[in-house]
C-alpha atoms as a PDB file:
ATOM      1  CA  UNK A   1      -0.034   0.023   0.028  1.00  0.00           C
ATOM      2  CA  UNK A   2       1.322   3.387  -0.947  1.00  0.00           C
ATOM      3  CA  UNK A   3       2.006   5.976   1.726  1.00  0.00           C
ATOM      4  CA  UNK A   4       0.668   9.534   1.410  1.00  0.00           C
ATOM      5  CA  UNK A   5       3.704  11.556   2.411  1.00  0.00           C
ATOM      6  CA  UNK A   6       2.773  14.997   3.837  1.00  0.00           C
ATOM      7  CA  UNK A   7      -0.655  13.921   4.999  1.00  0.00           C
ATOM      8  CA  UNK A   8       0.144  11.264   7.658  1.00  0.00           C
ATOM      9  CA  UNK A   9      -0.554  13.118  10.873  1.00  0.00           C
ATOM     10  CA  UNK A  10      -3.301  15.790  11.117  1.00  0.00           C
ATOM     11  CA  UNK A  11      -6.234  17.419  12.891  1.00  0.00           C
ATOM     12  CA  UNK A  12      -9.601  18.777  11.732  1.00  0.00           C
ATOM     13  CA  UNK A  13     -10.651  22.359  11.852  1.00  0.00           C
ATOM     14  CA  UNK A  14     -14.264  21.366  12.410  1.00  0.00           C
ATOM     15  CA  UNK A  15     -16.865  24.026  13.120  1.00  0.00           C
ATOM     16  CA  UNK A  16     -15.208  26.964  11.345  1.00  0.00           C
ATOM     17  CA  UNK A  17     -16.554  26.928   7.817  1.00  0.00           C
ATOM     18  CA  UNK A  18     -18.985  24.034   8.487  1.00  0.00           C
ATOM     19  CA  UNK A  19     -21.575  22.893  11.058  1.00  0.00           C
ATOM     20  CA  UNK A  20     -21.950  26.409  12.410  1.00  0.00           C
ATOM     21  CA  UNK A  21     -24.242  29.420  12.303  1.00  0.00           C
ATOM     22  CA  UNK A  22     -22.271  31.020   9.492  1.00  0.00           C
ATOM     23  CA  UNK A  23     -22.226  34.385  11.299  1.00  0.00           C
ATOM     24  CA  UNK A  24     -19.493  36.814  10.489  1.00  0.00           C
ATOM     25  CA  UNK A  25     -18.327  36.473  14.094  1.00  0.00           C
ATOM     26  CA  UNK A  26     -17.895  32.697  13.661  1.00  0.00           C
ATOM     27  CA  UNK A  27     -16.282  32.863  10.209  1.00  0.00           C
ATOM     28  CA  UNK A  28     -13.848  35.625  11.188  1.00  0.00           C
ATOM     29  CA  UNK A  29     -12.841  34.449  14.676  1.00  0.00           C
ATOM     30  CA  UNK A  30     -13.426  30.710  15.337  1.00  0.00           C
ATOM     31  CA  UNK A  31     -10.065  29.836  13.774  1.00  0.00           C
ATOM     32  CA  UNK A  32      -7.343  32.502  13.467  1.00  0.00           C
ATOM     33  CA  UNK A  33      -3.703  32.494  12.448  1.00  0.00           C
ATOM     34  CA  UNK A  34      -2.591  31.838  15.997  1.00  0.00           C
ATOM     35  CA  UNK A  35      -4.468  28.512  15.949  1.00  0.00           C
ATOM     36  CA  UNK A  36      -2.578  27.373  12.892  1.00  0.00           C
ATOM     37  CA  UNK A  37       0.696  28.464  14.469  1.00  0.00           C
ATOM     38  CA  UNK A  38      -0.201  26.430  17.607  1.00  0.00           C
ATOM     39  CA  UNK A  39      -1.014  23.306  15.547  1.00  0.00           C
ATOM     40  CA  UNK A  40       2.271  23.668  13.666  1.00  0.00           C
ATOM     41  CA  UNK A  41       4.078  23.061  16.958  1.00  0.00           C
ATOM     42  CA  UNK A  42       2.364  19.652  17.237  1.00  0.00           C
ATOM     43  CA  UNK A  43       3.796  16.514  15.577  1.00  0.00           C
ATOM     44  CA  UNK A  44       1.474  16.926  12.577  1.00  0.00           C
ATOM     45  CA  UNK A  45       1.958  17.679   8.869  1.00  0.00           C
ATOM     46  CA  UNK A  46      -1.528  18.839   7.812  1.00  0.00           C
ATOM     47  CA  UNK A  47      -5.010  19.951   8.703  1.00  0.00           C
ATOM     48  CA  UNK A  48      -8.389  18.941   7.244  1.00  0.00           C
ATOM     49  CA  UNK A  49     -10.739  21.873   6.646  1.00  0.00           C
ATOM     50  CA  UNK A  50     -14.430  20.992   6.459  1.00  0.00           C
ATOM     51  CA  UNK A  51     -16.374  23.477   4.259  1.00  0.00           C
ATOM     52  CA  UNK A  52     -20.138  23.681   3.647  1.00  0.00           C
ATOM     53  CA  UNK A  53     -21.109  24.584   0.153  1.00  0.00           C
ATOM     54  CA  UNK A  54     -23.213  27.553   1.265  1.00  0.00           C
ATOM     55  CA  UNK A  55     -20.112  29.318   2.495  1.00  0.00           C
ATOM     56  CA  UNK A  56     -18.917  29.350  -1.150  1.00  0.00           C
ATOM     57  CA  UNK A  57     -22.000  29.033  -3.271  1.00  0.00           C
ATOM     58  CA  UNK A  58     -25.550  30.565  -3.245  1.00  0.00           C
ATOM     59  CA  UNK A  59     -28.623  28.477  -3.865  1.00  0.00           C
ATOM     60  CA  UNK A  60     -28.563  29.487  -7.520  1.00  0.00           C
ATOM     61  CA  UNK A  61     -24.930  28.423  -7.869  1.00  0.00           C
ATOM     62  CA  UNK A  62     -23.422  31.898  -7.744  1.00  0.00           C
ATOM     63  CA  UNK A  63     -20.062  31.850  -6.037  1.00  0.00           C
ATOM     64  CA  UNK A  64     -19.505  33.823  -2.846  1.00  0.00           C
ATOM     65  CA  UNK A  65     -16.167  35.612  -2.994  1.00  0.00           C
ATOM     66  CA  UNK A  66     -15.877  36.231   0.754  1.00  0.00           C
ATOM     67  CA  UNK A  67     -16.234  32.460   1.357  1.00  0.00           C
ATOM     68  CA  UNK A  68     -13.364  31.625  -0.953  1.00  0.00           C
ATOM     69  CA  UNK A  69     -11.297  34.250   0.785  1.00  0.00           C
ATOM     70  CA  UNK A  70     -11.571  32.300   4.083  1.00  0.00           C
ATOM     71  CA  UNK A  71     -10.241  29.249   2.300  1.00  0.00           C
ATOM     72  CA  UNK A  72      -7.422  31.146   0.662  1.00  0.00           C
ATOM     73  CA  UNK A  73      -6.517  32.578   4.078  1.00  0.00           C
ATOM     74  CA  UNK A  74      -6.425  29.088   5.582  1.00  0.00           C
ATOM     75  CA  UNK A  75      -4.153  27.848   2.862  1.00  0.00           C
ATOM     76  CA  UNK A  76      -1.883  30.864   3.293  1.00  0.00           C
ATOM     77  CA  UNK A  77      -1.576  30.311   7.035  1.00  0.00           C
ATOM     78  CA  UNK A  78      -0.826  26.606   6.534  1.00  0.00           C
ATOM     79  CA  UNK A  79       1.867  27.288   4.026  1.00  0.00           C
ATOM     80  CA  UNK A  80       3.383  29.951   6.292  1.00  0.00           C
ATOM     81  CA  UNK A  81       3.645  27.486   9.153  1.00  0.00           C
ATOM     82  CA  UNK A  82       4.674  24.445   7.128  1.00  0.00           C
ATOM     83  CA  UNK A  83       1.422  22.520   7.055  1.00  0.00           C
ATOM     84  CA  UNK A  84      -0.522  20.899   4.226  1.00  0.00           C
ATOM     85  CA  UNK A  85      -4.332  21.141   3.944  1.00  0.00           C
ATOM     86  CA  UNK A  86      -7.255  18.996   2.803  1.00  0.00           C
ATOM     87  CA  UNK A  87     -10.251  20.932   1.549  1.00  0.00           C
ATOM     88  CA  UNK A  88     -13.217  18.776   2.557  1.00  0.00           C
ATOM     89  CA  UNK A  89     -16.666  19.581   1.071  1.00  0.00           C
ATOM     90  CA  UNK A  90     -18.631  18.751   4.156  1.00  0.00           C
ATOM     91  CA  UNK A  91     -22.077  19.587   2.658  1.00  0.00           C
ATOM     92  CA  UNK A  92     -23.211  20.116  -0.915  1.00  0.00           C
ATOM     93  CA  UNK A  93     -26.431  21.342  -2.377  1.00  0.00           C
ATOM     94  CA  UNK A  94     -29.018  18.536  -1.863  1.00  0.00           C
ATOM     95  CA  UNK A  95     -26.939  16.469   0.498  1.00  0.00           C
ATOM     96  CA  UNK A  96     -25.612  16.517   4.091  1.00  0.00           C
ATOM     97  CA  UNK A  97     -24.646  13.662   6.332  1.00  0.00           C
ATOM     98  CA  UNK A  98     -26.787  15.441   9.020  1.00  0.00           C
ATOM     99  CA  UNK A  99     -30.438  14.946   8.229  1.00  0.00           C
ATOM    100  CA  UNK A 100     -31.187  18.024  10.394  1.00  0.00           C
ATOM    101  CA  UNK A 101     -29.720  20.174   7.665  1.00  0.00           C
ATOM    102  CA  UNK A 102     -32.739  19.350   5.420  1.00  0.00           C
ATOM    103  CA  UNK A 103     -30.630  18.896   2.347  1.00  0.00           C
ATOM    104  CA  UNK A 104     -32.001  16.178   0.049  1.00  0.00           C
ATOM    105  CA  UNK A 105     -32.161  15.004  -3.547  1.00  0.00           C
ATOM    106  CA  UNK A 106     -28.475  15.285  -4.591  1.00  0.00           C
ATOM    107  CA  UNK A 107     -28.066  11.707  -5.863  1.00  0.00           C
ATOM    108  CA  UNK A 108     -31.068  11.973  -8.206  1.00  0.00           C
ATOM    109  CA  UNK A 109     -31.072  15.649  -9.068  1.00  0.00           C
ATOM    110  CA  UNK A 110     -28.982  16.770 -12.084  1.00  0.00           C
ATOM    111  CA  UNK A 111     -29.132  20.483 -11.016  1.00  0.00           C
ATOM    112  CA  UNK A 112     -27.622  19.688  -7.622  1.00  0.00           C
ATOM    113  CA  UNK A 113     -24.974  17.487  -9.200  1.00  0.00           C
ATOM    114  CA  UNK A 114     -24.060  20.273 -11.649  1.00  0.00           C
ATOM    115  CA  UNK A 115     -23.659  22.740  -8.761  1.00  0.00           C
ATOM    116  CA  UNK A 116     -21.386  20.131  -7.098  1.00  0.00           C
ATOM    117  CA  UNK A 117     -19.252  19.787 -10.311  1.00  0.00           C
ATOM    118  CA  UNK A 118     -19.178  23.530 -10.827  1.00  0.00           C
ATOM    119  CA  UNK A 119     -18.082  24.209  -7.282  1.00  0.00           C
ATOM    120  CA  UNK A 120     -15.205  21.681  -7.549  1.00  0.00           C
ATOM    121  CA  UNK A 121     -14.112  23.140 -10.881  1.00  0.00           C
ATOM    122  CA  UNK A 122     -13.958  26.542  -9.239  1.00  0.00           C
ATOM    123  CA  UNK A 123     -12.035  25.180  -6.289  1.00  0.00           C
ATOM    124  CA  UNK A 124      -9.539  23.530  -8.701  1.00  0.00           C
ATOM    125  CA  UNK A 125      -9.132  26.756 -10.664  1.00  0.00           C
ATOM    126  CA  UNK A 126      -8.330  28.631  -7.432  1.00  0.00           C
ATOM    127  CA  UNK A 127      -6.354  26.177  -5.374  1.00  0.00           C
ATOM    128  CA  UNK A 128      -4.666  23.623  -7.657  1.00  0.00           C
ATOM    129  CA  UNK A 129      -1.811  26.095  -8.081  1.00  0.00           C
ATOM    130  CA  UNK A 130      -0.637  25.240  -4.521  1.00  0.00           C
ATOM    131  CA  UNK A 131       0.434  21.829  -5.775  1.00  0.00           C
ATOM    132  CA  UNK A 132       1.055  19.105  -3.215  1.00  0.00           C
ATOM    133  CA  UNK A 133       0.286  21.431  -0.331  1.00  0.00           C
ATOM    134  CA  UNK A 134      -3.489  21.106  -1.070  1.00  0.00           C
ATOM    135  CA  UNK A 135      -5.770  18.072  -1.573  1.00  0.00           C
ATOM    136  CA  UNK A 136      -9.422  17.838  -2.407  1.00  0.00           C
ATOM    137  CA  UNK A 137     -11.983  15.697  -0.538  1.00  0.00           C
ATOM    138  CA  UNK A 138     -15.055  15.430  -2.774  1.00  0.00           C
ATOM    139  CA  UNK A 139     -17.781  14.925  -0.194  1.00  0.00           C
ATOM    140  CA  UNK A 140     -18.072  14.101   3.463  1.00  0.00           C
ATOM    141  CA  UNK A 141     -19.809  11.006   4.673  1.00  0.00           C
ATOM    142  CA  UNK A 142     -22.229   9.438   2.194  1.00  0.00           C
ATOM    143  CA  UNK A 143     -24.758   7.737   4.490  1.00  0.00           C
ATOM    144  CA  UNK A 144     -27.059   5.459   2.454  1.00  0.00           C
ATOM    145  CA  UNK A 145     -25.562   2.267   1.077  1.00  0.00           C
ATOM    146  CA  UNK A 146     -28.207   2.260  -1.666  1.00  0.00           C
ATOM    147  CA  UNK A 147     -26.706   5.408  -3.185  1.00  0.00           C
ATOM    148  CA  UNK A 148     -23.319   3.886  -3.673  1.00  0.00           C
ATOM    149  CA  UNK A 149     -23.545   3.105  -7.335  1.00  0.00           C
ATOM    150  CA  UNK A 150     -24.825   6.623  -8.060  1.00  0.00           C
ATOM    151  CA  UNK A 151     -22.059   8.102  -5.812  1.00  0.00           C
ATOM    152  CA  UNK A 152     -19.408   6.161  -7.736  1.00  0.00           C
ATOM    153  CA  UNK A 153     -20.746   7.593 -10.991  1.00  0.00           C
ATOM    154  CA  UNK A 154     -20.951  11.089  -9.698  1.00  0.00           C
ATOM    155  CA  UNK A 155     -17.566  11.034  -8.070  1.00  0.00           C
ATOM    156  CA  UNK A 156     -15.912   9.650 -11.237  1.00  0.00           C
ATOM    157  CA  UNK A 157     -17.534  12.484 -13.306  1.00  0.00           C
ATOM    158  CA  UNK A 158     -16.343  15.009 -10.773  1.00  0.00           C
ATOM    159  CA  UNK A 159     -12.830  13.684 -10.933  1.00  0.00           C
ATOM    160  CA  UNK A 160     -12.935  13.830 -14.721  1.00  0.00           C
ATOM    161  CA  UNK A 161     -13.871  17.524 -14.573  1.00  0.00           C
ATOM    162  CA  UNK A 162     -11.301  18.394 -11.946  1.00  0.00           C
ATOM    163  CA  UNK A 163      -8.575  16.640 -13.889  1.00  0.00           C
ATOM    164  CA  UNK A 164      -8.988  19.039 -16.813  1.00  0.00           C
ATOM    165  CA  UNK A 165      -7.861  21.765 -14.442  1.00  0.00           C
ATOM    166  CA  UNK A 166      -5.789  20.005 -11.790  1.00  0.00           C
ATOM    167  CA  UNK A 167      -4.223  16.899 -13.298  1.00  0.00           C
ATOM    168  CA  UNK A 168      -2.179  15.830 -10.305  1.00  0.00           C
ATOM    169  CA  UNK A 169      -3.909  17.175  -7.153  1.00  0.00           C
ATOM    170  CA  UNK A 170      -4.709  14.400  -4.737  1.00  0.00           C
ATOM    171  CA  UNK A 171      -8.431  13.636  -4.487  1.00  0.00           C
ATOM    172  CA  UNK A 172     -10.017  11.749  -1.601  1.00  0.00           C
ATOM    173  CA  UNK A 173     -13.093   9.572  -1.924  1.00  0.00           C
ATOM    174  CA  UNK A 174     -15.118   7.895   0.825  1.00  0.00           C
ATOM    175  CA  UNK A 175     -17.980   5.442   0.855  1.00  0.00           C
ATOM    176  CA  UNK A 176     -21.363   4.717   2.471  1.00  0.00           C
ATOM    177  CA  UNK A 177     -22.278   4.547   6.103  1.00  0.00           C
ATOM    178  CA  UNK A 178     -20.549   7.809   6.880  1.00  0.00           C
ATOM    179  CA  UNK A 179     -17.277   6.881   5.235  1.00  0.00           C
ATOM    180  CA  UNK A 180     -17.291   3.537   7.011  1.00  0.00           C
ATOM    181  CA  UNK A 181     -14.088   1.545   6.649  1.00  0.00           C
ATOM    182  CA  UNK A 182     -16.183  -1.454   5.572  1.00  0.00           C
ATOM    183  CA  UNK A 183     -17.287   0.527   2.509  1.00  0.00           C
ATOM    184  CA  UNK A 184     -13.816   0.974   1.068  1.00  0.00           C
ATOM    185  CA  UNK A 185     -14.185  -2.245  -1.043  1.00  0.00           C
ATOM    186  CA  UNK A 186     -17.259  -0.634  -2.749  1.00  0.00           C
ATOM    187  CA  UNK A 187     -15.385   2.402  -3.953  1.00  0.00           C
ATOM    188  CA  UNK A 188     -14.802   2.688  -7.710  1.00  0.00           C
ATOM    189  CA  UNK A 189     -11.298   1.639  -8.907  1.00  0.00           C
ATOM    190  CA  UNK A 190      -8.949   4.611  -8.675  1.00  0.00           C
ATOM    191  CA  UNK A 191      -9.190   6.764 -11.727  1.00  0.00           C
ATOM    192  CA  UNK A 192      -5.500   7.569 -11.629  1.00  0.00           C
ATOM    193  CA  UNK A 193      -2.507   7.397  -9.359  1.00  0.00           C
ATOM    194  CA  UNK A 194      -3.535  10.503  -7.375  1.00  0.00           C
ATOM    195  CA  UNK A 195      -6.682   9.080  -5.787  1.00  0.00           C
ATOM    196  CA  UNK A 196      -6.805   8.449  -2.051  1.00  0.00           C
ATOM    197  CA  UNK A 197      -9.381   6.147  -0.328  1.00  0.00           C
ATOM    198  CA  UNK A 198     -10.844   7.778   2.692  1.00  0.00           C
ATOM    199  CA  UNK A 199     -12.646   6.433   5.733  1.00  0.00           C
ATOM    200  CA  UNK A 200     -13.696   7.605   9.206  1.00  0.00           C
ATOM    201  CA  UNK A 201     -13.423   5.658  12.416  1.00  0.00           C
ATOM    202  CA  UNK A 202     -15.391   6.218  15.604  1.00  0.00           C
ATOM    203  CA  UNK A 203     -15.640   2.591  16.621  1.00  0.00           C
ATOM    204  CA  UNK A 204     -16.720   1.294  18.991  1.00  0.00           C
ATOM    205  CA  UNK A 205     -19.445   3.942  18.571  1.00  0.00           C
ATOM    206  CA  UNK A 206     -21.019   3.050  21.918  1.00  0.00           C
ATOM    207  CA  UNK A 207     -17.777   4.277  23.564  1.00  0.00           C
ATOM    208  CA  UNK A 208     -16.707   7.231  21.374  1.00  0.00           C
ATOM    209  CA  UNK A 209     -20.191   8.705  21.218  1.00  0.00           C
ATOM    210  CA  UNK A 210     -21.419   7.824  24.715  1.00  0.00           C
ATOM    211  CA  UNK A 211     -24.219  10.127  25.786  1.00  0.00           C
ATOM    212  CA  UNK A 212     -24.261  11.819  22.377  1.00  0.00           C
ATOM    213  CA  UNK A 213     -27.646  13.512  22.097  1.00  0.00           C
ATOM    214  CA  UNK A 214     -27.591  13.232  18.262  1.00  0.00           C
ATOM    215  CA  UNK A 215     -27.048   9.466  18.182  1.00  0.00           C
ATOM    216  CA  UNK A 216     -30.291   7.465  17.615  1.00  0.00           C
ATOM    217  CA  UNK A 217     -30.975   5.293  20.572  1.00  0.00           C
ATOM    218  CA  UNK A 218     -28.188   6.625  22.762  1.00  0.00           C
ATOM    219  CA  UNK A 219     -29.370   7.611  26.252  1.00  0.00           C
ATOM    220  CA  UNK A 220     -27.880  10.998  27.109  1.00  0.00           C
ATOM    221  CA  UNK A 221     -26.908   9.768  30.611  1.00  0.00           C
ATOM    222  CA  UNK A 222     -25.092   6.626  29.236  1.00  0.00           C
ATOM    223  CA  UNK A 223     -21.367   6.390  30.213  1.00  0.00           C
ATOM    224  CA  UNK A 224     -18.945   3.516  29.848  1.00  0.00           C
ATOM    225  CA  UNK A 225     -15.395   2.756  30.594  1.00  0.00           C
ATOM    226  CA  UNK A 226     -13.113   1.379  27.902  1.00  0.00           C
ATOM    227  CA  UNK A 227     -11.724  -1.487  30.006  1.00  0.00           C
ATOM    228  CA  UNK A 228     -14.018  -4.124  28.526  1.00  0.00           C
ATOM    229  CA  UNK A 229     -13.838  -7.164  26.413  1.00  0.00           C
ATOM    230  CA  UNK A 230     -14.940  -7.091  22.840  1.00  0.00           C
ATOM    231  CA  UNK A 231     -17.863  -9.270  23.806  1.00  0.00           C
ATOM    232  CA  UNK A 232     -18.999  -6.764  26.442  1.00  0.00           C
ATOM    233  CA  UNK A 233     -18.763  -3.938  23.906  1.00  0.00           C
ATOM    234  CA  UNK A 234     -20.817  -5.886  21.446  1.00  0.00           C
ATOM    235  CA  UNK A 235     -23.465  -6.621  23.990  1.00  0.00           C
ATOM    236  CA  UNK A 236     -23.760  -2.924  24.916  1.00  0.00           C
ATOM    237  CA  UNK A 237     -23.968  -2.061  21.193  1.00  0.00           C
ATOM    238  CA  UNK A 238     -26.739  -4.570  20.696  1.00  0.00           C
ATOM    239  CA  UNK A 239     -28.681  -3.144  23.627  1.00  0.00           C
ATOM    240  CA  UNK A 240     -28.404   0.545  22.771  1.00  0.00           C
ATOM    241  CA  UNK A 241     -27.262   0.859  19.168  1.00  0.00           C
ATOM    242  CA  UNK A 242     -28.499  -2.325  17.365  1.00  0.00           C
ATOM    243  CA  UNK A 243     -28.113  -0.625  13.944  1.00  0.00           C
ATOM    244  CA  UNK A 244     -24.410  -0.370  14.633  1.00  0.00           C
ATOM    245  CA  UNK A 245     -23.858  -4.104  15.362  1.00  0.00           C
ATOM    246  CA  UNK A 246     -22.842  -4.776  11.755  1.00  0.00           C
ATOM    247  CA  UNK A 247     -19.875  -2.473  12.173  1.00  0.00           C
ATOM    248  CA  UNK A 248     -18.341  -4.766  14.820  1.00  0.00           C
ATOM    249  CA  UNK A 249     -18.687  -7.982  12.824  1.00  0.00           C
ATOM    250  CA  UNK A 250     -15.021  -7.958  11.532  1.00  0.00           C
ATOM    251  CA  UNK A 251     -13.805  -8.087  15.173  1.00  0.00           C
ATOM    252  CA  UNK A 252     -13.826 -11.693  16.179  1.00  0.00           C
ATOM    253  CA  UNK A 253     -11.739 -12.005  19.324  1.00  0.00           C
ATOM    254  CA  UNK A 254     -14.647 -11.477  21.729  1.00  0.00           C
ATOM    255  CA  UNK A 255     -12.746 -12.631  24.830  1.00  0.00           C
ATOM    256  CA  UNK A 256      -9.977 -10.051  24.364  1.00  0.00           C
ATOM    257  CA  UNK A 257      -9.896  -6.744  26.135  1.00  0.00           C
ATOM    258  CA  UNK A 258     -10.209  -3.681  23.893  1.00  0.00           C
ATOM    259  CA  UNK A 259      -6.848  -2.708  22.429  1.00  0.00           C
ATOM    260  CA  UNK A 260      -4.963  -2.272  19.155  1.00  0.00           C
ATOM    261  CA  UNK A 261      -6.038  -5.745  17.967  1.00  0.00           C
ATOM    262  CA  UNK A 262      -9.598  -4.318  17.687  1.00  0.00           C
ATOM    263  CA  UNK A 263      -8.451  -1.866  14.998  1.00  0.00           C
ATOM    264  CA  UNK A 264      -6.139  -4.429  13.381  1.00  0.00           C
ATOM    265  CA  UNK A 265      -9.161  -6.615  12.632  1.00  0.00           C
ATOM    266  CA  UNK A 266     -11.481  -3.712  11.846  1.00  0.00           C
ATOM    267  CA  UNK A 267      -9.189  -2.242   9.194  1.00  0.00           C
ATOM    268  CA  UNK A 268      -8.098  -5.508   7.666  1.00  0.00           C
ATOM    269  CA  UNK A 269     -10.292  -5.557   4.640  1.00  0.00           C
ATOM    270  CA  UNK A 270      -9.724  -1.940   3.757  1.00  0.00           C
ATOM    271  CA  UNK A 271      -5.924  -2.509   4.015  1.00  0.00           C
ATOM    272  CA  UNK A 272      -6.275  -5.486   1.711  1.00  0.00           C
ATOM    273  CA  UNK A 273      -8.206  -3.406  -0.842  1.00  0.00           C
ATOM    274  CA  UNK A 274      -5.633  -0.538  -0.699  1.00  0.00           C
ATOM    275  CA  UNK A 275      -2.893  -3.052  -1.271  1.00  0.00           C
ATOM    276  CA  UNK A 276      -4.672  -4.703  -4.213  1.00  0.00           C
ATOM    277  CA  UNK A 277      -5.383  -1.333  -5.858  1.00  0.00           C
ATOM    278  CA  UNK A 278      -2.130   0.297  -4.824  1.00  0.00           C
ATOM    279  CA  UNK A 279      -3.885   3.318  -3.387  1.00  0.00           C
ATOM    280  CA  UNK A 280      -3.136   5.231  -0.116  1.00  0.00           C
ATOM    281  CA  UNK A 281      -5.565   4.767   2.740  1.00  0.00           C
ATOM    282  CA  UNK A 282      -6.537   7.770   4.906  1.00  0.00           C
ATOM    283  CA  UNK A 283      -8.748   8.274   7.981  1.00  0.00           C
ATOM    284  CA  UNK A 284     -10.264  11.674   7.703  1.00  0.00           C
ATOM    285  CA  UNK A 285     -11.981  11.651  11.124  1.00  0.00           C
ATOM    286  CA  UNK A 286     -11.482   9.791  14.396  1.00  0.00           C
ATOM    287  CA  UNK A 287     -11.915  10.884  18.016  1.00  0.00           C
ATOM    288  CA  UNK A 288     -13.770  10.515  21.344  1.00  0.00           C
ATOM    289  CA  UNK A 289     -16.607  12.598  22.721  1.00  0.00           C
ATOM    290  CA  UNK A 290     -15.847  14.917  25.619  1.00  0.00           C
ATOM    291  CA  UNK A 291     -18.185  12.960  27.934  1.00  0.00           C
ATOM    292  CA  UNK A 292     -15.756   9.982  28.113  1.00  0.00           C
ATOM    293  CA  UNK A 293     -13.066  10.057  30.763  1.00  0.00           C
ATOM    294  CA  UNK A 294      -9.730  11.653  29.772  1.00  0.00           C
ATOM    295  CA  UNK A 295      -7.864   8.450  30.724  1.00  0.00           C
ATOM    296  CA  UNK A 296     -10.075   6.262  28.492  1.00  0.00           C
ATOM    297  CA  UNK A 297      -9.869   8.784  25.666  1.00  0.00           C
ATOM    298  CA  UNK A 298      -6.073   8.537  25.765  1.00  0.00           C
ATOM    299  CA  UNK A 299      -6.227   4.760  25.771  1.00  0.00           C
ATOM    300  CA  UNK A 300      -8.455   4.806  22.682  1.00  0.00           C
ATOM    301  CA  UNK A 301      -6.146   7.203  20.832  1.00  0.00           C
ATOM    302  CA  UNK A 302      -3.068   5.083  21.694  1.00  0.00           C
ATOM    303  CA  UNK A 303      -4.734   1.931  20.429  1.00  0.00           C
ATOM    304  CA  UNK A 304      -5.923   3.328  17.090  1.00  0.00           C
ATOM    305  CA  UNK A 305      -2.708   5.262  16.503  1.00  0.00           C
ATOM    306  CA  UNK A 306      -0.633   2.119  16.953  1.00  0.00           C
ATOM    307  CA  UNK A 307      -2.435   0.548  13.965  1.00  0.00           C
ATOM    308  CA  UNK A 308      -2.316   3.776  11.968  1.00  0.00           C
ATOM    309  CA  UNK A 309       1.443   3.871  12.397  1.00  0.00           C
ATOM    310  CA  UNK A 310       1.999   0.226  11.726  1.00  0.00           C
ATOM    311  CA  UNK A 311       0.321   0.366   8.299  1.00  0.00           C
ATOM    312  CA  UNK A 312       1.197   4.046   7.443  1.00  0.00           C
ATOM    313  CA  UNK A 313      -2.438   5.154   7.391  1.00  0.00           C
ATOM    314  CA  UNK A 314      -2.665   8.904   7.223  1.00  0.00           C
ATOM    315  CA  UNK A 315      -5.229  10.498   9.576  1.00  0.00           C
ATOM    316  CA  UNK A 316      -6.806  13.657  10.965  1.00  0.00           C
ATOM    317  CA  UNK A 317      -8.282  13.717  14.467  1.00  0.00           C
ATOM    318  CA  UNK A 318     -11.696  15.206  15.081  1.00  0.00           C
ATOM    319  CA  UNK A 319     -11.369  17.914  16.209  1.00  0.00           C
ATOM    320  CA  UNK A 320      -9.009  20.820  17.116  1.00  0.00           C
ATOM    321  CA  UNK A 321     -11.544  22.656  19.348  1.00  0.00           C
ATOM    322  CA  UNK A 322     -15.170  22.388  20.480  1.00  0.00           C
ATOM    323  CA  UNK A 323     -17.569  20.247  18.383  1.00  0.00           C
ATOM    324  CA  UNK A 324     -17.950  17.946  21.477  1.00  0.00           C
ATOM    325  CA  UNK A 325     -14.535  16.411  20.641  1.00  0.00           C
ATOM    326  CA  UNK A 326     -12.095  19.323  21.078  1.00  0.00           C
ATOM    327  CA  UNK A 327      -8.497  18.402  21.723  1.00  0.00           C
ATOM    328  CA  UNK A 328      -7.607  21.874  23.215  1.00  0.00           C
ATOM    329  CA  UNK A 329     -10.767  21.962  25.356  1.00  0.00           C
ATOM    330  CA  UNK A 330     -10.611  21.830  29.159  1.00  0.00           C
ATOM    331  CA  UNK A 331     -11.717  18.184  29.525  1.00  0.00           C
ATOM    332  CA  UNK A 332      -8.478  17.032  27.832  1.00  0.00           C
ATOM    333  CA  UNK A 333      -6.197  18.996  30.137  1.00  0.00           C
ATOM    334  CA  UNK A 334      -4.690  16.020  31.965  1.00  0.00           C
ATOM    335  CA  UNK A 335      -3.982  13.952  28.866  1.00  0.00           C
ATOM    336  CA  UNK A 336      -3.725  16.506  26.076  1.00  0.00           C
ATOM    337  CA  UNK A 337       0.021  16.318  25.493  1.00  0.00           C
ATOM    338  CA  UNK A 338      -0.030  12.507  25.401  1.00  0.00           C
ATOM    339  CA  UNK A 339      -2.991  12.533  22.936  1.00  0.00           C
ATOM    340  CA  UNK A 340      -1.216  15.119  20.733  1.00  0.00           C
ATOM    341  CA  UNK A 341       1.817  12.793  20.641  1.00  0.00           C
ATOM    342  CA  UNK A 342      -0.447  10.104  19.134  1.00  0.00           C
ATOM    343  CA  UNK A 343      -1.742  12.265  16.295  1.00  0.00           C
END
C-alpha cells in the first residue's frame, strides 16, 4: 500500500466553515492564524478543513467571494507554518450527512450535481496552483448504502472535470455509512495514481459517542469505561445501538480486552483493498466525545494510533476545538500532550 507523504498526521478544523451558524463572528474568529501556528508546533503535517457549500455558493450556484477568501487565508496560514491542507466539502447542495440540515435530492437531481461539479471546478481553478500542499476531498460521509452506485458515478464524473484543471492534485473519496471503513471495497477503482481512499473511524461507537444527544438510541446519561472485552462492547452495542452491530462484525476475538487488535481486525479488509489497488488509505476523522473520561480517551487514541502507524495510514483527528470532541478543550487538560503525541 502506498504512503501519502505529507498527510500522515493531522487534525480537523471542524466548526469553522462548516456545522456552524455562518455568522461573521464565527467565520472571522473561530479559527485565526494563532491557531494554525499552535497546531504547527504539534507533531502533525496537515489539517483537514471542512467546508459547507453555502459558504462558497448561493442556492442558484453563484459563487460567494468572501467564502473563498476564508479558504485562501487558511491555505496561506498553513503554508506559512509548514502545514499541508485538505479541503473537505462537508455539505453540498442537496446532501448533508446530517439529516437535520434538510438537504436532500443530490443523488437523483442533475441540477444539484451540476452545482457540485461547478463548485469543484472553481475550487480547482483557485487552489490547484498550490500543488502538493493542497488536496481535495469530494464529499463528506455518504450515508445510504443504496446510493453507492450513483455516488461512484458522480464522483468519477467530478474527478474527470477536476482533472482538466488539476491533473495531479490528490483527490479523496469515501464510501457509504458515513465513510465507513467497511465501505472501502465498494469504492470505484482509482481513476489515476492521485486518488486516495478515505474512511472515518469512531468505533466502537457506543464508547466514542457515549451520551451523544444526536445518536439514535443513545441515552444522554449513558457512560462507559473502555476497560471491557470485545464481547462486552458488542453486548452494549446490541442493547443501545442495534443498527451499529454490523460495524463490529469484523472483530472476532470477543474474549480479548479492547486494544490495538480491535483496529487491526477492523481495518483488515480496507488494508487489503488498498494493497490490491495500490492506493493510499486515509482516515479523515476519528476521536472521542468529551463525555468519556480523559484516561479512556487517551487509551483509545493510543490503540488506534498504533495501527495507523503500523500500516502508514494517514489521519486527521476530530477535532481541534469544541464540536464535542475538542483536543484543546478543558476536559483534555490532563492527557492533552499525550494525545497530541499520538496524532
